Protein backbone atom coordinates (compact mmCIF):
# COMPACT_ATOMS: atom_id res chain seq x y z
CA UNK A 1 79.36 -29.85 -27.14
CA UNK A 2 81.79 -27.05 -27.62
CA UNK A 3 84.78 -26.66 -25.67
CA UNK A 4 87.89 -24.32 -25.72
CA UNK A 5 91.01 -23.82 -23.34
CA UNK A 6 92.30 -20.24 -23.06
CA UNK A 7 95.85 -20.00 -22.40
CA UNK A 8 96.84 -16.44 -21.56
CA UNK A 9 100.43 -15.64 -21.39
CA UNK A 10 102.62 -18.30 -21.99
CA UNK A 11 106.09 -17.72 -20.83
CA UNK A 12 105.66 -14.53 -18.73
CA UNK A 13 107.04 -17.36 -15.96
CA UNK A 14 109.06 -20.54 -16.98
CA UNK A 15 107.11 -24.01 -15.83
CA UNK A 16 108.95 -25.65 -13.80
CA UNK A 17 110.08 -29.17 -15.06
CA UNK A 18 106.42 -31.28 -13.79
CA UNK A 19 103.90 -28.50 -15.26
CA UNK A 20 106.33 -28.95 -18.37
CA UNK A 21 105.71 -32.55 -18.43
CA UNK A 22 102.31 -31.77 -17.52
CA UNK A 23 101.44 -29.06 -20.63
CA UNK A 24 102.32 -31.65 -23.12
CA UNK A 25 99.01 -34.39 -22.80
CA UNK A 26 96.71 -31.32 -22.36
CA UNK A 27 97.60 -29.99 -25.54
CA UNK A 28 98.15 -33.59 -27.06
CA UNK A 29 94.42 -34.46 -26.30
CA UNK A 30 93.14 -31.35 -27.01
CA UNK A 31 94.70 -31.54 -30.71
CA UNK A 32 93.55 -35.35 -31.34
CA UNK A 33 89.83 -34.23 -29.65
CA UNK A 34 90.05 -31.20 -31.95
CA UNK A 35 89.47 -28.95 -29.38
CA UNK A 36 90.24 -25.01 -29.62
CA UNK A 37 92.93 -23.70 -28.14
CA UNK A 38 93.87 -20.38 -27.79
CA UNK A 39 97.22 -19.21 -26.72
CA UNK A 40 98.78 -15.19 -26.29
CA UNK A 41 102.18 -14.92 -25.60
CA UNK A 42 105.34 -12.25 -26.13
CA UNK A 43 107.58 -15.69 -26.36
CA UNK A 44 108.20 -16.85 -29.96
CA UNK A 45 107.87 -20.77 -30.47
CA UNK A 46 112.31 -20.68 -30.79
CA UNK A 47 111.86 -19.80 -27.05
CA UNK A 48 109.89 -22.12 -25.64
CA UNK A 49 112.76 -24.80 -25.35
CA UNK A 50 113.50 -22.36 -22.31
CA UNK A 51 110.17 -21.68 -20.97
CA UNK A 52 109.16 -24.99 -20.93
CA UNK A 53 113.16 -27.12 -19.66
CA UNK A 54 112.84 -29.24 -23.22
CA UNK A 55 113.24 -28.55 -26.77
CA UNK A 56 112.08 -31.61 -27.68
CA UNK A 57 108.76 -31.28 -25.68
CA UNK A 58 108.56 -27.80 -26.65
CA UNK A 59 108.58 -28.54 -30.82
CA UNK A 60 106.33 -31.24 -30.37
CA UNK A 61 103.69 -28.61 -28.58
CA UNK A 62 104.04 -26.09 -31.07
CA UNK A 63 103.09 -28.67 -33.40
CA UNK A 64 99.89 -29.68 -32.53
CA UNK A 65 99.22 -25.89 -31.99
CA UNK A 66 100.47 -25.16 -35.38
CA UNK A 67 98.66 -28.07 -37.44
CA UNK A 68 95.08 -26.42 -38.91
CA UNK A 69 95.28 -23.30 -36.64
CA UNK A 70 95.46 -19.17 -37.56
CA UNK A 71 98.42 -17.56 -35.74
CA UNK A 72 97.75 -13.69 -35.40
CA UNK A 73 100.57 -11.78 -34.78
CA UNK A 74 100.06 -8.30 -33.07
CA UNK A 75 102.39 -5.53 -33.11
CA UNK A 76 102.96 -2.18 -31.86
CA UNK A 77 102.85 -0.01 -28.72
CA UNK A 78 101.54 -1.90 -25.33
CA UNK A 79 98.21 -1.17 -24.96
CA UNK A 80 98.91 -0.50 -21.09
CA UNK A 81 101.78 1.78 -21.35
CA UNK A 82 100.09 3.83 -24.08
CA UNK A 83 96.91 4.49 -21.88
CA UNK A 84 99.28 5.07 -18.77
CA UNK A 85 100.72 7.87 -20.54
CA UNK A 86 97.61 9.63 -21.72
CA UNK A 87 97.00 13.12 -19.97
CA UNK A 88 94.48 12.95 -17.45
CA UNK A 89 90.95 14.08 -18.45
CA UNK A 90 89.83 15.29 -14.68
């Protein structure tokens, strides 16, 4: 069975303490079972301590996420902004 989890926009909103505490077991279990986890974020790992309200927890989560992973850093103009700036074709 192939099981993937997709988490979009981590850090867009800060998590409350209880949610932050629940996030670690999810990531840790997925890491132990070698399950795929795809995360999108505009926040560097160095900012995750503020998002999760705990730098130790953030470091443990980041450690599990980056082991045996591929990290893609995308840059450039926001696609939503670029589409908004396009002239109307109607």
